N, C-alpha and C. Protein backbone atom coordinates (compact mmCIF):
# COMPACT_ATOMS: atom_id res chain seq x y z
N LEU A 1 24.90 -26.68 16.86
CA LEU A 1 25.74 -25.50 17.04
C LEU A 1 26.36 -25.06 15.71
N ASN A 2 26.75 -26.03 14.90
CA ASN A 2 27.31 -25.68 13.59
C ASN A 2 26.29 -24.93 12.74
N ALA A 3 25.05 -25.38 12.81
CA ALA A 3 23.98 -24.71 12.07
C ALA A 3 23.75 -23.30 12.60
N CYS A 4 23.84 -23.13 13.91
CA CYS A 4 23.66 -21.80 14.50
C CYS A 4 24.76 -20.85 14.07
N VAL A 5 25.98 -21.36 13.98
CA VAL A 5 27.09 -20.54 13.50
C VAL A 5 26.84 -20.11 12.06
N ALA A 6 26.32 -21.03 11.25
CA ALA A 6 26.02 -20.70 9.86
C ALA A 6 24.94 -19.62 9.76
N ILE A 7 23.93 -19.72 10.62
CA ILE A 7 22.87 -18.72 10.63
C ILE A 7 23.42 -17.36 11.04
N GLU A 8 24.26 -17.35 12.06
CA GLU A 8 24.85 -16.08 12.51
C GLU A 8 25.72 -15.47 11.42
N ARG A 9 26.41 -16.31 10.67
CA ARG A 9 27.25 -15.81 9.57
C ARG A 9 26.40 -15.10 8.53
N VAL A 10 25.25 -15.68 8.23
CA VAL A 10 24.34 -15.05 7.25
C VAL A 10 23.78 -13.75 7.80
N VAL A 11 23.39 -13.75 9.07
CA VAL A 11 22.85 -12.53 9.68
C VAL A 11 23.89 -11.42 9.66
N THR A 12 25.14 -11.79 9.88
CA THR A 12 26.22 -10.80 9.85
C THR A 12 26.32 -10.14 8.49
N ILE A 13 26.20 -10.95 7.44
CA ILE A 13 26.28 -10.41 6.07
C ILE A 13 25.07 -9.53 5.77
N ILE A 14 23.89 -9.98 6.19
CA ILE A 14 22.67 -9.23 5.89
C ILE A 14 22.62 -7.92 6.67
N LYS A 15 22.96 -7.98 7.94
CA LYS A 15 22.90 -6.78 8.79
C LYS A 15 24.02 -5.80 8.47
N ALA A 16 25.16 -6.34 8.08
CA ALA A 16 26.33 -5.50 7.75
C ALA A 16 26.70 -4.61 8.94
N THR A 17 26.67 -3.31 8.73
CA THR A 17 27.07 -2.38 9.80
C THR A 17 26.07 -2.32 10.94
N ASN A 18 24.86 -2.81 10.72
CA ASN A 18 23.84 -2.81 11.77
C ASN A 18 23.93 -4.02 12.70
N PHE A 19 24.91 -4.86 12.46
CA PHE A 19 25.08 -6.06 13.28
C PHE A 19 25.64 -5.68 14.65
N HIS A 20 24.98 -6.15 15.71
CA HIS A 20 25.40 -5.85 17.08
C HIS A 20 26.07 -7.09 17.68
N LYS A 21 27.36 -7.00 17.89
CA LYS A 21 28.12 -8.14 18.38
C LYS A 21 27.71 -8.51 19.81
N LYS A 22 27.48 -7.51 20.65
CA LYS A 22 27.10 -7.78 22.03
C LYS A 22 25.75 -8.49 22.10
N LYS A 23 24.81 -8.01 21.31
CA LYS A 23 23.49 -8.64 21.28
C LYS A 23 23.58 -10.06 20.72
N SER A 24 24.47 -10.24 19.75
CA SER A 24 24.66 -11.58 19.17
C SER A 24 25.18 -12.56 20.21
N LYS A 25 26.08 -12.12 21.07
CA LYS A 25 26.60 -12.99 22.12
C LYS A 25 25.50 -13.38 23.10
N GLN A 26 24.64 -12.43 23.44
CA GLN A 26 23.54 -12.73 24.35
C GLN A 26 22.58 -13.75 23.74
N ILE A 27 22.27 -13.56 22.46
CA ILE A 27 21.38 -14.51 21.78
C ILE A 27 22.02 -15.88 21.69
N ALA A 28 23.34 -15.91 21.45
CA ALA A 28 24.05 -17.19 21.34
C ALA A 28 23.96 -17.97 22.65
N LYS A 29 24.10 -17.29 23.78
CA LYS A 29 24.00 -17.97 25.07
C LYS A 29 22.61 -18.58 25.27
N ILE A 30 21.59 -17.82 24.88
CA ILE A 30 20.22 -18.32 25.02
C ILE A 30 19.99 -19.52 24.10
N VAL A 31 20.49 -19.42 22.88
CA VAL A 31 20.31 -20.51 21.91
C VAL A 31 21.01 -21.78 22.38
N ILE A 32 22.20 -21.65 22.95
CA ILE A 32 22.92 -22.82 23.45
C ILE A 32 22.12 -23.53 24.54
N VAL A 33 21.55 -22.75 25.46
CA VAL A 33 20.73 -23.35 26.52
C VAL A 33 19.51 -24.05 25.93
N ILE A 34 18.87 -23.40 24.96
CA ILE A 34 17.69 -23.99 24.32
C ILE A 34 18.06 -25.29 23.60
N LEU A 35 19.20 -25.29 22.91
CA LEU A 35 19.63 -26.49 22.20
C LEU A 35 19.91 -27.65 23.15
N VAL A 36 20.55 -27.34 24.27
CA VAL A 36 20.84 -28.38 25.26
C VAL A 36 19.55 -28.98 25.81
N ILE A 37 18.61 -28.11 26.16
CA ILE A 37 17.32 -28.58 26.69
C ILE A 37 16.57 -29.39 25.64
N PHE A 38 16.58 -28.90 24.41
CA PHE A 38 15.88 -29.60 23.33
C PHE A 38 16.48 -30.98 23.08
N THR A 39 17.81 -31.06 23.06
CA THR A 39 18.47 -32.34 22.83
C THR A 39 18.17 -33.33 23.95
N ILE A 40 18.20 -32.84 25.19
CA ILE A 40 17.89 -33.72 26.33
C ILE A 40 16.45 -34.20 26.26
N CYS A 41 15.54 -33.29 25.97
CA CYS A 41 14.11 -33.64 25.94
C CYS A 41 13.78 -34.64 24.84
N THR A 42 14.50 -34.56 23.72
CA THR A 42 14.21 -35.47 22.61
C THR A 42 14.91 -36.82 22.74
N ASN A 43 15.73 -36.98 23.77
CA ASN A 43 16.42 -38.26 23.97
C ASN A 43 16.25 -38.84 25.37
N ILE A 44 15.57 -38.13 26.24
CA ILE A 44 15.50 -38.55 27.63
C ILE A 44 14.67 -39.82 27.83
N TYR A 45 13.80 -40.11 26.89
CA TYR A 45 12.92 -41.28 27.03
C TYR A 45 13.68 -42.60 26.86
N ASP A 46 14.78 -42.57 26.12
CA ASP A 46 15.46 -43.80 25.71
C ASP A 46 15.88 -44.70 26.88
N PRO A 47 16.55 -44.19 27.92
CA PRO A 47 16.98 -45.08 29.00
C PRO A 47 15.83 -45.78 29.72
N PHE A 48 14.65 -45.21 29.69
CA PHE A 48 13.52 -45.78 30.42
C PHE A 48 12.91 -46.99 29.69
N TYR A 49 13.29 -47.18 28.44
CA TYR A 49 12.72 -48.29 27.67
C TYR A 49 13.78 -49.32 27.27
N ARG A 50 14.94 -49.26 27.90
CA ARG A 50 16.00 -50.24 27.62
C ARG A 50 16.24 -51.11 28.85
N TYR A 51 16.40 -52.41 28.60
CA TYR A 51 16.60 -53.36 29.68
C TYR A 51 17.73 -54.31 29.32
N LEU A 52 18.50 -54.73 30.33
CA LEU A 52 19.52 -55.76 30.16
C LEU A 52 19.03 -57.02 30.85
N ILE A 53 19.02 -58.11 30.10
CA ILE A 53 18.53 -59.39 30.62
C ILE A 53 19.65 -60.42 30.52
N ASP A 54 19.98 -61.05 31.65
CA ASP A 54 20.98 -62.12 31.67
C ASP A 54 20.30 -63.45 31.35
N GLU A 55 20.90 -64.18 30.44
CA GLU A 55 20.36 -65.49 30.06
C GLU A 55 21.45 -66.54 30.18
N ASP A 56 21.21 -67.54 30.98
CA ASP A 56 22.15 -68.64 31.16
C ASP A 56 21.58 -69.89 30.51
N ASN A 57 22.38 -70.52 29.66
CA ASN A 57 21.99 -71.81 29.09
C ASN A 57 23.20 -72.74 29.09
N GLU A 58 23.05 -73.88 28.49
CA GLU A 58 24.12 -74.88 28.53
C GLU A 58 25.34 -74.45 27.72
N ASP A 59 25.13 -73.70 26.67
CA ASP A 59 26.24 -73.34 25.79
C ASP A 59 27.04 -72.15 26.31
N GLU A 60 26.36 -71.11 26.63
CA GLU A 60 27.05 -69.88 27.03
C GLU A 60 26.10 -68.95 27.77
N LYS A 61 26.72 -67.94 28.34
CA LYS A 61 25.94 -66.92 29.03
C LYS A 61 25.76 -65.73 28.09
N ARG A 62 24.55 -65.26 27.99
CA ARG A 62 24.25 -64.16 27.09
C ARG A 62 23.67 -62.98 27.86
N ILE A 63 23.97 -61.81 27.36
CA ILE A 63 23.36 -60.58 27.89
C ILE A 63 22.62 -59.92 26.74
N TRP A 64 21.32 -59.82 26.90
CA TRP A 64 20.49 -59.26 25.85
C TRP A 64 20.10 -57.82 26.20
N CYS A 65 20.19 -56.98 25.19
CA CYS A 65 19.70 -55.60 25.34
C CYS A 65 18.32 -55.54 24.72
N ILE A 66 17.34 -55.29 25.53
CA ILE A 66 15.96 -55.26 25.06
C ILE A 66 15.44 -53.83 25.08
N ALA A 67 15.05 -53.35 23.93
CA ALA A 67 14.45 -52.01 23.82
C ALA A 67 13.02 -52.17 23.34
N THR A 68 12.10 -51.80 24.17
CA THR A 68 10.68 -51.94 23.81
C THR A 68 10.03 -50.56 23.81
N TYR A 69 9.83 -50.04 22.61
CA TYR A 69 9.17 -48.76 22.46
C TYR A 69 7.72 -48.97 22.04
N PRO A 70 6.81 -48.18 22.55
CA PRO A 70 5.46 -48.15 21.96
C PRO A 70 5.56 -47.68 20.51
N SER A 71 4.59 -48.03 19.72
CA SER A 71 4.65 -47.70 18.29
C SER A 71 4.77 -46.20 18.05
N SER A 72 4.04 -45.42 18.84
CA SER A 72 4.10 -43.97 18.67
C SER A 72 5.47 -43.43 19.05
N LEU A 73 6.07 -43.99 20.11
CA LEU A 73 7.39 -43.55 20.54
C LEU A 73 8.47 -43.99 19.55
N GLN A 74 8.28 -45.15 18.95
CA GLN A 74 9.22 -45.62 17.93
C GLN A 74 9.23 -44.68 16.74
N THR A 75 8.06 -44.24 16.33
CA THR A 75 7.97 -43.28 15.24
C THR A 75 8.63 -41.96 15.62
N PHE A 76 8.36 -41.51 16.85
CA PHE A 76 8.96 -40.27 17.34
C PHE A 76 10.49 -40.38 17.36
N SER A 77 11.00 -41.52 17.81
CA SER A 77 12.45 -41.73 17.87
C SER A 77 13.07 -41.67 16.48
N SER A 78 12.44 -42.31 15.52
CA SER A 78 12.96 -42.30 14.15
C SER A 78 12.96 -40.89 13.57
N VAL A 79 11.88 -40.17 13.83
CA VAL A 79 11.77 -38.80 13.33
C VAL A 79 12.84 -37.91 13.95
N MET A 80 13.07 -38.06 15.25
CA MET A 80 14.05 -37.23 15.94
C MET A 80 15.47 -37.52 15.48
N HIS A 81 15.79 -38.79 15.30
CA HIS A 81 17.13 -39.13 14.81
C HIS A 81 17.35 -38.56 13.41
N THR A 82 16.34 -38.67 12.58
CA THR A 82 16.45 -38.13 11.22
C THR A 82 16.54 -36.61 11.26
N PHE A 83 15.78 -35.99 12.15
CA PHE A 83 15.80 -34.53 12.28
C PHE A 83 17.18 -34.05 12.73
N HIS A 84 17.73 -34.68 13.76
CA HIS A 84 19.05 -34.28 14.26
C HIS A 84 20.13 -34.49 13.20
N PHE A 85 19.88 -35.40 12.28
CA PHE A 85 20.86 -35.69 11.24
C PHE A 85 20.74 -34.71 10.07
N LEU A 86 19.50 -34.45 9.63
CA LEU A 86 19.30 -33.66 8.41
C LEU A 86 19.19 -32.16 8.66
N ALA A 87 18.64 -31.77 9.80
CA ALA A 87 18.40 -30.34 10.05
C ALA A 87 19.67 -29.50 9.97
N PRO A 88 20.77 -29.89 10.63
CA PRO A 88 21.99 -29.08 10.51
C PRO A 88 22.50 -28.99 9.07
N PHE A 89 22.39 -30.10 8.34
CA PHE A 89 22.85 -30.11 6.95
C PHE A 89 22.03 -29.13 6.10
N ILE A 90 20.72 -29.18 6.24
CA ILE A 90 19.85 -28.31 5.45
C ILE A 90 20.08 -26.84 5.82
N ILE A 91 20.21 -26.57 7.12
CA ILE A 91 20.44 -25.19 7.56
C ILE A 91 21.77 -24.67 7.04
N ASN A 92 22.81 -25.50 7.13
CA ASN A 92 24.12 -25.09 6.61
C ASN A 92 24.08 -24.83 5.11
N LEU A 93 23.37 -25.69 4.40
CA LEU A 93 23.30 -25.55 2.94
C LEU A 93 22.54 -24.29 2.54
N ILE A 94 21.38 -24.08 3.16
CA ILE A 94 20.59 -22.89 2.85
C ILE A 94 21.34 -21.62 3.25
N SER A 95 22.00 -21.66 4.40
CA SER A 95 22.76 -20.49 4.86
C SER A 95 23.89 -20.16 3.89
N ALA A 96 24.54 -21.19 3.37
CA ALA A 96 25.63 -20.96 2.42
C ALA A 96 25.11 -20.32 1.13
N ILE A 97 23.97 -20.80 0.66
CA ILE A 97 23.38 -20.24 -0.56
C ILE A 97 22.98 -18.78 -0.35
N ILE A 98 22.34 -18.49 0.79
CA ILE A 98 21.93 -17.12 1.08
C ILE A 98 23.15 -16.21 1.21
N LEU A 99 24.16 -16.69 1.91
CA LEU A 99 25.36 -15.87 2.12
C LEU A 99 26.03 -15.53 0.79
N ILE A 100 26.22 -16.53 -0.05
CA ILE A 100 26.90 -16.31 -1.33
C ILE A 100 26.06 -15.39 -2.23
N THR A 101 24.76 -15.61 -2.25
CA THR A 101 23.89 -14.76 -3.07
C THR A 101 23.91 -13.31 -2.59
N LYS A 102 23.78 -13.14 -1.28
CA LYS A 102 23.79 -11.78 -0.72
C LYS A 102 25.13 -11.11 -0.93
N ARG A 103 26.19 -11.86 -0.72
CA ARG A 103 27.53 -11.31 -0.91
C ARG A 103 27.77 -10.93 -2.37
N SER A 104 27.27 -11.73 -3.28
CA SER A 104 27.44 -11.45 -4.71
C SER A 104 26.69 -10.18 -5.10
N ARG A 105 25.50 -10.00 -4.56
CA ARG A 105 24.72 -8.79 -4.87
C ARG A 105 25.42 -7.55 -4.31
N GLN A 106 25.98 -7.68 -3.12
CA GLN A 106 26.71 -6.55 -2.55
C GLN A 106 27.92 -6.19 -3.41
N GLN A 107 28.62 -7.21 -3.87
CA GLN A 107 29.79 -6.96 -4.71
C GLN A 107 29.40 -6.39 -6.07
N SER A 108 28.26 -6.84 -6.60
CA SER A 108 27.82 -6.34 -7.91
C SER A 108 27.44 -4.87 -7.85
N ASN A 109 26.97 -4.41 -6.69
CA ASN A 109 26.64 -2.99 -6.53
C ASN A 109 27.89 -2.13 -6.50
N VAL A 110 28.99 -2.71 -6.06
CA VAL A 110 30.25 -1.97 -6.00
C VAL A 110 31.01 -2.09 -7.32
N ARG A 111 31.08 -3.32 -7.83
CA ARG A 111 31.81 -3.58 -9.08
C ARG A 111 30.81 -3.60 -10.23
N ILE A 112 30.31 -2.44 -10.57
CA ILE A 112 29.21 -2.32 -11.53
C ILE A 112 29.62 -2.69 -12.95
N HIS A 113 30.90 -2.68 -13.25
CA HIS A 113 31.36 -2.97 -14.60
C HIS A 113 31.59 -4.47 -14.83
N GLU A 114 31.42 -5.28 -13.80
CA GLU A 114 31.63 -6.72 -13.93
C GLU A 114 30.30 -7.45 -14.02
N ASN A 115 30.33 -8.58 -14.69
CA ASN A 115 29.13 -9.40 -14.86
C ASN A 115 28.77 -10.06 -13.53
N TYR A 116 27.46 -10.09 -13.23
CA TYR A 116 27.00 -10.67 -11.97
C TYR A 116 27.34 -12.16 -11.89
N LYS A 117 27.24 -12.86 -13.01
CA LYS A 117 27.54 -14.29 -13.01
C LYS A 117 29.01 -14.55 -12.67
N GLU A 118 29.88 -13.69 -13.17
CA GLU A 118 31.30 -13.85 -12.87
C GLU A 118 31.57 -13.60 -11.38
N ILE A 119 30.90 -12.59 -10.86
CA ILE A 119 31.05 -12.30 -9.42
C ILE A 119 30.52 -13.47 -8.60
N LEU A 120 29.39 -14.03 -9.04
CA LEU A 120 28.81 -15.17 -8.33
C LEU A 120 29.76 -16.36 -8.34
N LYS A 121 30.39 -16.61 -9.48
CA LYS A 121 31.36 -17.71 -9.56
C LYS A 121 32.54 -17.48 -8.62
N GLN A 122 32.99 -16.24 -8.55
CA GLN A 122 34.10 -15.92 -7.65
C GLN A 122 33.72 -16.14 -6.20
N GLN A 123 32.50 -15.76 -5.85
CA GLN A 123 32.04 -15.94 -4.48
C GLN A 123 31.87 -17.42 -4.14
N ILE A 124 31.38 -18.18 -5.09
CA ILE A 124 31.25 -19.63 -4.87
C ILE A 124 32.62 -20.25 -4.67
N GLN A 125 33.58 -19.81 -5.46
CA GLN A 125 34.94 -20.32 -5.31
C GLN A 125 35.53 -19.93 -3.96
N GLN A 126 35.25 -18.72 -3.52
CA GLN A 126 35.80 -18.23 -2.26
C GLN A 126 35.17 -18.93 -1.06
N TYR A 127 33.86 -19.19 -1.15
CA TYR A 127 33.14 -19.78 -0.02
C TYR A 127 32.75 -21.23 -0.27
N ARG A 128 33.49 -21.92 -1.10
CA ARG A 128 33.14 -23.31 -1.41
C ARG A 128 33.22 -24.21 -0.18
N HIS A 129 34.03 -23.80 0.80
CA HIS A 129 34.13 -24.61 2.02
C HIS A 129 32.81 -24.66 2.77
N LEU A 130 31.94 -23.66 2.54
CA LEU A 130 30.63 -23.67 3.20
C LEU A 130 29.74 -24.79 2.67
N PHE A 131 30.05 -25.28 1.48
CA PHE A 131 29.31 -26.42 0.92
C PHE A 131 29.99 -27.75 1.28
N THR A 132 31.31 -27.75 1.26
CA THR A 132 32.02 -29.01 1.54
C THR A 132 31.86 -29.44 3.00
N THR A 133 31.81 -28.46 3.91
CA THR A 133 31.71 -28.80 5.33
C THR A 133 30.44 -29.56 5.67
N PRO A 134 29.24 -29.07 5.31
CA PRO A 134 28.03 -29.85 5.64
C PRO A 134 27.98 -31.20 4.95
N VAL A 135 28.54 -31.29 3.74
CA VAL A 135 28.57 -32.58 3.05
C VAL A 135 29.45 -33.57 3.81
N LEU A 136 30.60 -33.11 4.28
CA LEU A 136 31.48 -33.97 5.07
C LEU A 136 30.81 -34.41 6.36
N LEU A 137 30.09 -33.48 6.99
CA LEU A 137 29.38 -33.82 8.23
C LEU A 137 28.33 -34.90 7.98
N VAL A 138 27.64 -34.80 6.86
CA VAL A 138 26.63 -35.80 6.53
C VAL A 138 27.28 -37.15 6.26
N LEU A 139 28.37 -37.15 5.51
CA LEU A 139 29.05 -38.40 5.20
C LEU A 139 29.59 -39.08 6.46
N LEU A 140 30.09 -38.27 7.39
CA LEU A 140 30.62 -38.83 8.63
C LEU A 140 29.50 -39.32 9.55
N GLY A 141 28.36 -38.67 9.49
CA GLY A 141 27.25 -39.06 10.36
C GLY A 141 26.35 -40.13 9.79
N LEU A 142 26.46 -40.38 8.48
CA LEU A 142 25.57 -41.34 7.83
C LEU A 142 25.73 -42.76 8.37
N PRO A 143 26.96 -43.26 8.58
CA PRO A 143 27.08 -44.63 9.14
C PRO A 143 26.38 -44.78 10.49
N ARG A 144 26.48 -43.76 11.32
CA ARG A 144 25.83 -43.83 12.63
C ARG A 144 24.31 -43.91 12.47
N LEU A 145 23.76 -43.13 11.55
CA LEU A 145 22.31 -43.16 11.33
C LEU A 145 21.87 -44.52 10.80
N ILE A 146 22.68 -45.09 9.91
CA ILE A 146 22.35 -46.42 9.38
C ILE A 146 22.36 -47.46 10.48
N ILE A 147 23.36 -47.39 11.36
CA ILE A 147 23.44 -48.34 12.46
C ILE A 147 22.23 -48.21 13.38
N LEU A 148 21.80 -46.99 13.62
CA LEU A 148 20.64 -46.77 14.49
C LEU A 148 19.37 -47.40 13.94
N PHE A 149 19.22 -47.36 12.61
CA PHE A 149 18.00 -47.87 12.00
C PHE A 149 18.08 -49.37 11.68
N VAL A 150 19.29 -49.85 11.40
CA VAL A 150 19.43 -51.23 10.93
C VAL A 150 19.72 -52.20 12.06
N SER A 151 20.56 -51.78 13.02
CA SER A 151 21.02 -52.72 14.04
C SER A 151 19.90 -53.11 14.99
N LYS A 152 20.03 -54.31 15.53
CA LYS A 152 19.08 -54.84 16.51
C LYS A 152 19.82 -55.09 17.82
N CYS A 153 19.14 -55.70 18.76
CA CYS A 153 19.80 -56.05 20.01
C CYS A 153 20.91 -57.05 19.74
N MET A 154 22.00 -56.91 20.45
CA MET A 154 23.17 -57.73 20.18
C MET A 154 23.34 -58.82 21.22
N LYS A 155 23.96 -59.90 20.77
CA LYS A 155 24.37 -60.93 21.70
C LYS A 155 25.75 -60.54 22.22
N SER A 156 26.00 -60.78 23.49
CA SER A 156 27.18 -60.22 24.13
C SER A 156 28.49 -60.65 23.48
N THR A 157 28.53 -61.82 22.85
CA THR A 157 29.80 -62.31 22.30
C THR A 157 29.87 -62.20 20.78
N ASN A 158 28.82 -61.76 20.14
CA ASN A 158 28.80 -61.69 18.68
C ASN A 158 28.50 -60.27 18.21
N ASP A 159 29.02 -59.96 17.03
CA ASP A 159 28.70 -58.71 16.34
C ASP A 159 29.04 -57.47 17.16
N THR A 160 29.99 -57.60 18.06
CA THR A 160 30.35 -56.43 18.87
C THR A 160 31.04 -55.35 18.04
N TRP A 161 31.68 -55.74 16.95
CA TRP A 161 32.40 -54.77 16.13
C TRP A 161 31.47 -53.70 15.58
N LEU A 162 30.23 -54.11 15.25
CA LEU A 162 29.27 -53.15 14.69
C LEU A 162 28.96 -52.04 15.68
N PHE A 163 28.77 -52.40 16.93
CA PHE A 163 28.43 -51.42 17.94
C PHE A 163 29.65 -50.61 18.37
N LEU A 164 30.83 -51.23 18.33
CA LEU A 164 32.04 -50.48 18.63
C LEU A 164 32.28 -49.42 17.57
N VAL A 165 32.06 -49.79 16.31
CA VAL A 165 32.19 -48.81 15.23
C VAL A 165 31.21 -47.67 15.42
N GLY A 166 29.98 -48.00 15.81
CA GLY A 166 28.99 -46.97 16.06
C GLY A 166 29.41 -46.02 17.16
N CYS A 167 30.03 -46.56 18.21
CA CYS A 167 30.49 -45.70 19.31
C CYS A 167 31.64 -44.80 18.87
N PHE A 168 32.58 -45.37 18.10
CA PHE A 168 33.72 -44.57 17.65
C PHE A 168 33.31 -43.49 16.66
N ILE A 169 32.30 -43.78 15.86
CA ILE A 169 31.82 -42.79 14.89
C ILE A 169 31.32 -41.54 15.61
N LEU A 170 30.77 -41.71 16.80
CA LEU A 170 30.28 -40.57 17.57
C LEU A 170 31.39 -39.57 17.88
N PHE A 171 32.63 -40.06 17.97
CA PHE A 171 33.75 -39.19 18.34
C PHE A 171 34.51 -38.65 17.14
N ILE A 172 34.14 -39.09 15.94
CA ILE A 172 34.87 -38.64 14.75
C ILE A 172 34.65 -37.16 14.50
N LEU A 173 33.39 -36.72 14.57
CA LEU A 173 33.08 -35.32 14.28
C LEU A 173 33.80 -34.34 15.21
N PRO A 174 33.77 -34.55 16.55
CA PRO A 174 34.52 -33.62 17.40
C PRO A 174 36.02 -33.62 17.12
N MET A 175 36.58 -34.78 16.75
CA MET A 175 38.01 -34.86 16.49
C MET A 175 38.40 -34.19 15.18
N LEU A 176 37.47 -34.08 14.25
CA LEU A 176 37.78 -33.53 12.94
C LEU A 176 37.32 -32.08 12.78
N THR A 177 37.06 -31.41 13.89
CA THR A 177 36.62 -30.02 13.81
C THR A 177 37.62 -29.15 13.06
N PHE A 178 38.90 -29.33 13.36
CA PHE A 178 39.94 -28.53 12.70
C PHE A 178 39.99 -28.83 11.21
N VAL A 179 39.92 -30.11 10.86
CA VAL A 179 40.01 -30.51 9.45
C VAL A 179 38.78 -30.05 8.67
N VAL A 180 37.61 -30.15 9.28
CA VAL A 180 36.37 -29.87 8.57
C VAL A 180 36.09 -28.38 8.46
N PHE A 181 36.41 -27.61 9.50
CA PHE A 181 36.01 -26.21 9.53
C PHE A 181 37.16 -25.24 9.25
N ILE A 182 38.37 -25.57 9.64
CA ILE A 182 39.48 -24.63 9.52
C ILE A 182 40.22 -24.78 8.19
N LEU A 183 40.63 -25.98 7.88
CA LEU A 183 41.45 -26.18 6.69
C LEU A 183 40.77 -25.81 5.37
N PRO A 184 39.47 -26.09 5.19
CA PRO A 184 38.86 -25.73 3.90
C PRO A 184 38.75 -24.23 3.65
N SER A 185 38.82 -23.42 4.69
CA SER A 185 38.63 -21.97 4.54
C SER A 185 39.98 -21.26 4.54
N GLN A 186 40.22 -20.47 3.51
CA GLN A 186 41.46 -19.71 3.43
C GLN A 186 41.54 -18.68 4.54
N PHE A 187 40.41 -18.03 4.83
CA PHE A 187 40.39 -17.01 5.88
C PHE A 187 40.72 -17.62 7.23
N TYR A 188 40.10 -18.76 7.56
CA TYR A 188 40.36 -19.41 8.85
C TYR A 188 41.80 -19.92 8.93
N ARG A 189 42.32 -20.41 7.81
CA ARG A 189 43.72 -20.87 7.80
C ARG A 189 44.67 -19.71 8.09
N GLU A 190 44.38 -18.56 7.47
CA GLU A 190 45.23 -17.39 7.71
C GLU A 190 45.15 -16.94 9.17
N GLN A 191 43.93 -16.93 9.71
CA GLN A 191 43.77 -16.54 11.11
C GLN A 191 44.46 -17.52 12.05
N PHE A 192 44.37 -18.80 11.71
CA PHE A 192 45.05 -19.82 12.52
C PHE A 192 46.56 -19.62 12.48
N HIS A 193 47.08 -19.34 11.28
CA HIS A 193 48.51 -19.11 11.14
C HIS A 193 48.94 -17.87 11.94
N LYS A 194 48.15 -16.80 11.87
CA LYS A 194 48.48 -15.59 12.63
C LYS A 194 48.46 -15.86 14.14
N THR A 195 47.50 -16.66 14.57
CA THR A 195 47.41 -16.99 16.00
C THR A 195 48.63 -17.77 16.46
N ILE A 196 49.05 -18.74 15.64
CA ILE A 196 50.24 -19.53 15.98
C ILE A 196 51.47 -18.64 16.04
N VAL A 197 51.59 -17.73 15.08
CA VAL A 197 52.74 -16.82 15.06
C VAL A 197 52.74 -15.93 16.31
N ASN A 198 51.57 -15.42 16.68
CA ASN A 198 51.48 -14.56 17.86
C ASN A 198 51.85 -15.32 19.14
N TYR A 199 51.37 -16.55 19.25
CA TYR A 199 51.72 -17.36 20.41
C TYR A 199 53.22 -17.65 20.44
N ARG A 200 53.79 -17.89 19.28
CA ARG A 200 55.22 -18.19 19.21
C ARG A 200 56.04 -16.97 19.63
N ILE A 201 55.63 -15.80 19.15
CA ILE A 201 56.35 -14.57 19.52
C ILE A 201 56.23 -14.31 21.02
N ALA A 202 55.02 -14.49 21.56
CA ALA A 202 54.82 -14.27 22.99
C ALA A 202 55.63 -15.26 23.82
N LEU A 203 55.70 -16.50 23.36
CA LEU A 203 56.47 -17.52 24.08
C LEU A 203 57.97 -17.21 24.03
N GLU A 204 58.45 -16.78 22.87
CA GLU A 204 59.87 -16.43 22.74
C GLU A 204 60.23 -15.24 23.63
N ARG A 205 59.35 -14.25 23.69
CA ARG A 205 59.60 -13.09 24.54
C ARG A 205 59.65 -13.49 26.01
N ARG A 206 58.74 -14.37 26.40
CA ARG A 206 58.71 -14.80 27.80
C ARG A 206 59.95 -15.61 28.15
N LEU A 207 60.38 -16.47 27.22
CA LEU A 207 61.58 -17.26 27.46
C LEU A 207 62.82 -16.36 27.55
N ASN A 208 62.90 -15.39 26.65
CA ASN A 208 64.04 -14.46 26.69
C ASN A 208 64.05 -13.66 27.98
N TYR A 209 62.86 -13.27 28.43
CA TYR A 209 62.77 -12.51 29.68
C TYR A 209 63.22 -13.36 30.86
N MET A 210 62.83 -14.64 30.86
CA MET A 210 63.22 -15.54 31.96
C MET A 210 64.72 -15.80 31.94
N ILE A 211 65.29 -15.91 30.73
CA ILE A 211 66.73 -16.15 30.63
C ILE A 211 67.52 -14.94 31.11
N GLN A 212 67.09 -13.75 30.69
CA GLN A 212 67.78 -12.53 31.09
C GLN A 212 67.64 -12.27 32.58
N LYS A 213 66.51 -12.68 33.12
CA LYS A 213 66.28 -12.46 34.54
C LYS A 213 67.15 -13.39 35.37
């Protein structure tokens, strides 16, 4: 979804006044459905190849997680995990480059007395959050990818911390949406501040109305 937002941002810049917001919303709904179906289809095989086996011996009771993939499916799984990890990063990066380049050319046509390189530097400075965001996403997702490729089946009483860390990492990205996407952008910060102010004014008006009533 982050990559789709980046693509829409670029399309908005390219289309300019020809951009149709209503049509964009319709396409977004279709894309969301396609992404959900694609994600399910590329991961639906996993539960069918995982087994839990109870083992009792003299020392302790163990629960083994056994995952047996055919060689072709193992390759497919590795490719899909890598794709889900790298594709959004690459799309975000390319979209940021296209957006800044296109924006710089538009500005150079208006500000004809300024050097294009200077305009490009200004645009990079203004939209630098478009580069920092995908990098942060990659850094946050990298430990999970490493765990997926390195970790093996676990013994129930040992090495549980590794898998707990892997589970918690899954929730880091949703929790850091505000930090990753809002704070780095001056425009989004301003819009967030305006929204908070509007809510505060509306709340104060409602409270005053209730008190007077």
